[in-house]
């Protein structure tokens, strides 16, 4: 189930979790998930979503922590069935 958490649209992408930032600059983060779907293992991919950014690497890395927190909350909601 797709959810908006802390400014990120978060949803499953096969066996991974995808978190897309909803405000500019927009980045998408693809996270690998543990086999039991309880935790984020690592960020597998970061991409700019539409637009041309001046400092894509710096901005994307800066927002990765927020995206990871949103993805972790998403996993918690999924486990609780909310």
Protein backbone atom coordinates (compact mmCIF):
# COMPACT_ATOMS: atom_id res chain seq x y z
CA UNK A 1 0.00 0.00 0.00
CA UNK A 2 1.40 3.39 -1.02
CA UNK A 3 1.83 5.86 1.84
CA UNK A 4 2.97 9.45 2.28
CA UNK A 5 5.40 9.56 5.21
CA UNK A 6 7.40 12.65 6.20
CA UNK A 7 7.17 14.15 2.71
CA UNK A 8 8.03 10.94 0.86
CA UNK A 9 5.70 8.73 -1.17
CA UNK A 10 6.69 5.21 -0.12
CA UNK A 11 5.66 1.89 -1.65
CA UNK A 12 6.87 -1.58 -2.44
CA UNK A 13 8.92 -2.07 -5.61
CA UNK A 14 8.99 -5.84 -5.90
CA UNK A 15 11.03 -6.98 -2.86
CA UNK A 16 12.42 -3.50 -2.25
CA UNK A 17 10.99 -0.23 -0.94
CA UNK A 18 10.92 2.91 -3.09
CA UNK A 19 10.69 6.35 -1.46
CA UNK A 20 10.15 9.41 -3.66
CA UNK A 21 10.59 12.89 -2.23
CA UNK A 22 7.44 14.96 -2.80
CA UNK A 23 9.02 18.42 -2.76
CA UNK A 24 11.76 19.89 -4.93
CA UNK A 25 14.41 18.80 -5.43
CA UNK A 26 12.75 15.43 -6.08
CA UNK A 27 14.78 12.26 -5.63
CA UNK A 28 13.84 8.60 -5.61
CA UNK A 29 15.50 6.13 -3.26
CA UNK A 30 15.38 2.36 -3.71
CA UNK A 31 16.10 0.43 -0.52
CA UNK A 32 16.93 -3.23 -0.12
CA UNK A 33 14.94 -4.86 2.68
CA UNK A 34 15.88 -7.75 4.98
CA UNK A 35 14.34 -11.14 4.19
CA UNK A 36 11.93 -10.80 7.12
CA UNK A 37 10.91 -7.31 5.86
CA UNK A 38 11.70 -5.77 9.25
CA UNK A 39 14.58 -3.45 8.37
CA UNK A 40 16.32 -1.55 5.60
CA UNK A 41 19.57 -3.22 4.57
CA UNK A 42 20.99 -0.51 2.31
CA UNK A 43 20.17 2.13 -0.25
CA UNK A 44 20.52 0.34 -3.58
CA UNK A 45 19.89 3.30 -5.89
CA UNK A 46 19.28 7.06 -5.87
CA UNK A 47 17.86 8.91 -8.85
CA UNK A 48 16.76 12.45 -9.68
CA UNK A 49 13.06 12.53 -10.55
CA UNK A 50 12.32 15.08 -13.29
CA UNK A 51 14.13 18.37 -13.60
CA UNK A 52 17.72 19.41 -13.81
CA UNK A 53 19.54 19.81 -10.51
CA UNK A 54 22.68 21.86 -9.82
CA UNK A 55 24.13 19.53 -7.18
CA UNK A 56 22.39 16.17 -7.54
CA UNK A 57 24.89 14.08 -5.60
CA UNK A 58 25.13 16.43 -2.60
CA UNK A 59 21.39 17.03 -2.35
CA UNK A 60 20.50 13.37 -2.85
CA UNK A 61 22.89 12.22 -0.14
CA UNK A 62 21.64 14.93 2.21
CA UNK A 63 18.04 13.67 1.90
CA UNK A 64 18.89 9.95 2.02
CA UNK A 65 18.62 9.84 5.82
CA UNK A 66 15.07 11.26 5.66
CA UNK A 67 14.11 8.80 2.92
CA UNK A 68 15.52 5.90 4.96
CA UNK A 69 13.50 6.98 8.03
CA UNK A 70 10.33 7.16 5.93
CA UNK A 71 11.04 3.69 4.49
CA UNK A 72 11.62 2.28 7.99
CA UNK A 73 8.31 3.74 9.20
CA UNK A 74 6.64 2.24 6.13
CA UNK A 75 7.97 -1.21 7.06
CA UNK A 76 6.63 -0.75 10.60
CA UNK A 77 3.18 0.17 9.29
CA UNK A 78 3.22 -2.83 6.94
CA UNK A 79 4.09 -5.19 9.80
CA UNK A 80 1.32 -3.74 11.99
CA UNK A 81 -1.19 -3.94 9.14
CA UNK A 82 -2.13 -0.25 9.42
